[in-house]
Protein backbone atom coordinates (compact mmCIF):
# COMPACT_ATOMS: atom_id res chain seq x y z
CA MET A 1 -234.90 34.29 -10.56
CA HIS A 2 -231.23 34.36 -9.63
CA ASP A 3 -230.48 37.97 -10.38
CA PHE A 4 -228.34 38.75 -7.46
CA LEU A 5 -225.11 38.23 -9.92
CA ALA A 6 -226.89 40.59 -12.32
CA VAL A 7 -224.67 43.85 -12.97
CA PRO A 8 -225.34 46.70 -14.99
CA ALA A 9 -223.80 46.71 -18.49
CA ARG A 10 -221.27 49.85 -17.58
CA ARG A 11 -219.55 50.45 -14.30
CA ASP A 12 -220.03 53.42 -12.57
CA VAL A 13 -216.57 54.25 -11.76
CA GLN A 14 -217.10 57.82 -10.10
CA GLY A 15 -219.92 55.76 -8.05
CA MET A 16 -217.65 52.99 -6.70
CA LYS A 17 -214.87 55.89 -6.21
CA ALA A 18 -217.04 57.80 -3.86
CA THR A 19 -218.83 54.94 -2.11
CA LEU A 20 -215.32 53.23 -1.19
CA GLY A 21 -213.87 56.42 -0.31
CA ALA A 22 -216.51 56.81 1.93
CA MET A 23 -216.53 53.56 3.63
CA GLU A 24 -214.66 53.22 7.02
CA GLU A 25 -212.64 50.27 8.31
CA GLY A 26 -215.28 47.36 9.49
CA GLU A 27 -218.63 48.80 7.81
CA PRO A 28 -220.47 46.03 6.28
CA VAL A 29 -220.40 46.09 2.36
CA HIS A 30 -220.98 43.46 0.16
CA ALA A 31 -219.28 43.48 -3.94
CA ILE A 32 -219.80 41.25 -6.89
CA LEU A 33 -216.81 40.64 -8.60
CA ARG A 34 -216.99 39.61 -12.83
CA THR A 35 -213.61 37.12 -13.02
CA ASN A 36 -212.74 34.60 -16.12
CA ARG A 37 -211.75 32.33 -13.56
CA TYR A 38 -214.42 31.69 -11.52
CA GLY A 39 -217.04 33.51 -12.47
CA ASP A 40 -219.63 36.77 -11.14
CA VAL A 41 -219.00 36.47 -7.11
CA GLU A 42 -220.64 37.97 -4.28
CA LEU A 43 -219.09 39.05 -1.59
CA SER A 44 -219.94 39.99 1.77
CA SER A 45 -217.76 41.37 4.90
CA ALA A 46 -216.21 43.87 7.08
CA ALA A 47 -214.53 46.12 5.12
CA HIS A 48 -211.12 46.03 5.86
CA VAL A 49 -208.21 48.05 4.98
CA GLY A 50 -204.97 46.44 4.23
CA ILE A 51 -201.22 47.29 5.19
CA GLY A 52 -200.77 48.96 1.93
CA GLY A 53 -204.14 50.91 2.45
CA ASP A 54 -205.98 48.88 -0.30
CA MET A 55 -209.63 48.27 0.46
CA MET A 56 -210.74 44.48 1.19
CA ILE A 57 -213.93 43.03 1.12
CA ALA A 58 -213.67 39.04 2.50
CA GLY A 59 -209.78 39.28 2.11
CA ARG A 60 -210.27 40.43 -1.78
CA ILE A 61 -208.59 43.90 -3.20
CA VAL A 62 -211.43 45.50 -4.74
CA ALA A 63 -209.75 49.28 -4.43
CA GLY A 64 -206.58 50.82 -4.31
CA PRO A 65 -205.54 53.34 -1.61
CA LEU A 66 -207.55 56.67 -0.12
CA THR A 67 -206.71 59.45 -2.43
CA LYS A 68 -208.90 62.72 -2.87
CA THR A 69 -210.78 63.82 -5.67
CA LYS A 70 -210.30 67.55 -7.25
CA ASP A 71 -213.24 69.02 -4.84
CA GLY A 72 -210.79 67.39 -2.38
CA GLU A 73 -213.52 64.06 -1.33
CA PRO A 74 -212.17 60.91 -0.25
CA ALA A 75 -211.96 58.49 -3.35
CA ARG A 76 -210.48 55.12 -3.71
CA THR A 77 -210.02 53.55 -7.47
CA PRO A 78 -211.80 49.98 -7.93
CA THR A 79 -210.16 47.45 -9.47
CA SER A 80 -211.08 46.06 -13.06
CA ASP A 81 -213.02 43.14 -11.81
CA LEU A 82 -214.86 45.09 -9.16
CA ARG A 83 -218.55 45.73 -10.94
CA VAL A 84 -220.55 46.82 -8.15
CA VAL A 85 -220.45 47.87 -4.30
CA ARG A 86 -223.38 48.32 -2.13
CA ASP A 87 -223.19 49.35 1.61
CA GLY A 88 -224.53 46.44 4.09
CA VAL A 89 -225.08 42.88 4.16
CA PRO A 90 -227.80 41.33 2.06
CA SER A 91 -229.83 38.04 3.37
CA PRO A 92 -228.85 34.77 3.09
CA ARG A 93 -229.65 32.70 0.51
CA GLY A 94 -230.33 29.37 -0.69
CA GLU A 95 -231.07 25.50 1.35
CA THR A 96 -228.52 24.65 3.98
CA ILE A 97 -226.60 21.43 2.33
CA GLU A 98 -223.62 19.45 2.98
CA ALA A 99 -220.25 20.95 1.30
CA THR A 100 -219.50 17.26 -0.25
CA ASP A 101 -223.45 17.46 -1.91
CA LEU A 102 -222.46 20.12 -4.08
CA SER A 103 -220.87 20.10 -8.11
CA HIS A 104 -219.11 22.06 -10.66
CA GLY A 105 -221.75 24.48 -11.57
CA ASP A 106 -224.34 24.75 -8.18
CA LEU A 107 -224.86 28.33 -7.61
CA VAL A 108 -224.18 28.61 -3.68
CA SER A 109 -223.70 31.02 -0.82
CA VAL A 110 -220.93 29.84 2.13
CA ASP A 111 -220.51 31.52 5.30
CA PHE A 112 -217.13 31.68 6.26
CA THR A 113 -215.07 32.50 9.67
CA ALA A 114 -211.53 33.61 8.18
CA VAL A 115 -209.03 35.36 10.42
CA PRO A 116 -208.50 38.04 10.50
CA TYR A 117 -211.60 38.72 8.30
CA GLY A 118 -214.18 37.75 10.37
CA GLU A 119 -217.11 36.19 9.58
CA ILE A 120 -217.72 36.96 5.25
CA SER A 121 -220.14 35.14 2.72
CA VAL A 122 -219.30 34.57 -0.78
CA SER A 123 -222.14 33.61 -3.44
CA GLY A 124 -221.69 32.40 -6.89
CA ILE A 125 -220.85 29.54 -9.17
CA ALA A 126 -219.13 26.40 -7.31
CA THR A 127 -216.11 25.47 -9.36
CA GLU A 128 -214.04 22.30 -9.59
CA GLY A 129 -210.47 21.82 -10.00
CA ALA A 130 -208.47 18.98 -11.71
CA ASP A 131 -207.42 18.54 -7.99
CA GLY A 132 -210.78 17.78 -6.72
CA TYR A 133 -211.15 21.33 -4.24
CA LEU A 134 -214.58 22.79 -4.81
CA LEU A 135 -214.66 26.70 -4.22
CA VAL A 136 -217.29 29.71 -4.90
CA GLY A 137 -214.71 32.35 -6.21
CA GLU A 138 -211.35 31.80 -4.26
CA TRP A 139 -212.57 30.33 -1.23
CA ILE A 140 -212.05 26.26 -0.55
CA ILE A 141 -215.62 24.94 0.35
CA ARG A 142 -214.49 21.45 0.17
CA LEU A 143 -210.94 19.63 -0.24
CA PRO A 144 -211.17 16.31 -2.02
CA GLU A 145 -213.06 14.66 0.05
CA GLU A 146 -214.25 16.50 3.10
CA GLN A 147 -215.65 20.06 3.76
CA ALA A 148 -212.63 23.00 4.25
CA PRO A 149 -212.29 23.84 8.15
CA ALA A 150 -212.91 27.60 7.78
CA VAL A 151 -216.49 26.99 6.14
CA GLU A 152 -219.37 27.87 8.95
CA ARG A 153 -222.14 26.82 6.44
CA VAL A 154 -222.79 25.93 2.84
CA ARG A 155 -226.44 26.72 1.07
CA LEU A 156 -227.56 25.98 -2.29
CA ILE A 157 -229.38 28.40 -4.37
CA ALA A 158 -229.82 26.28 -7.42
CA ARG A 159 -228.54 23.55 -9.56
CA ASP A 160 -226.13 23.03 -12.23
CA GLY A 161 -228.94 23.88 -15.28
CA GLU A 162 -231.13 24.94 -12.92
CA HIS A 163 -230.06 28.73 -13.83
CA SER A 164 -228.97 30.95 -16.64
CA ILE A 165 -225.58 31.81 -14.58
CA PRO A 166 -223.06 31.40 -16.64
CA VAL A 167 -220.26 28.49 -15.41
CA PRO A 168 -217.00 28.97 -15.81
CA ASP A 169 -215.06 26.05 -17.39
CA ARG A 170 -213.53 23.38 -14.46
CA ARG A 171 -210.32 24.10 -12.90
CA PRO A 172 -206.72 22.84 -14.46
CA HIS A 173 -203.91 21.54 -12.14
CA TYR A 174 -202.67 24.77 -10.94
CA GLN A 175 -198.75 24.60 -12.07
CA SER A 176 -195.95 26.77 -10.72
CA ASP A 177 -192.21 27.62 -11.67
CA ILE A 178 -191.47 28.10 -7.84
CA LEU A 179 -190.59 24.38 -5.84
């Protein structure tokens, strides 16, 4: 039912290298990442190239700098959590809802506007931390009691228990040695 996060059992690394190598700055793209902390996450936005030459989608590095294959074709090495990359942007999913009505484990799609990335969409499992912040992927949907400023629209695809996508554990308090 919610198979947009389904990924092949084996990554097509060579295919992704070629696709990412041919991608141009500003081109619409979406990718699926598999992370332990946030679960499977779909990112949709224009492709960006960071200062170091890394390819970014929705502010997330998904591949290294541009190189050439043995045949002279452009290529970029995908990060280990990148599972799928496709051209274009998928259609919006789910029904519009208030960010304050979401819970840990809900399957959501959230539109954000953020400088310098512009409009982006992130879909996946909403995860809540001990700090009260609700995220989809690495993007904040809700502060402890209000919608995050970068959020433009929140769509609920399915409540926790109404989908079969694995739900990550709640996030513990962030700990740092930096004061």
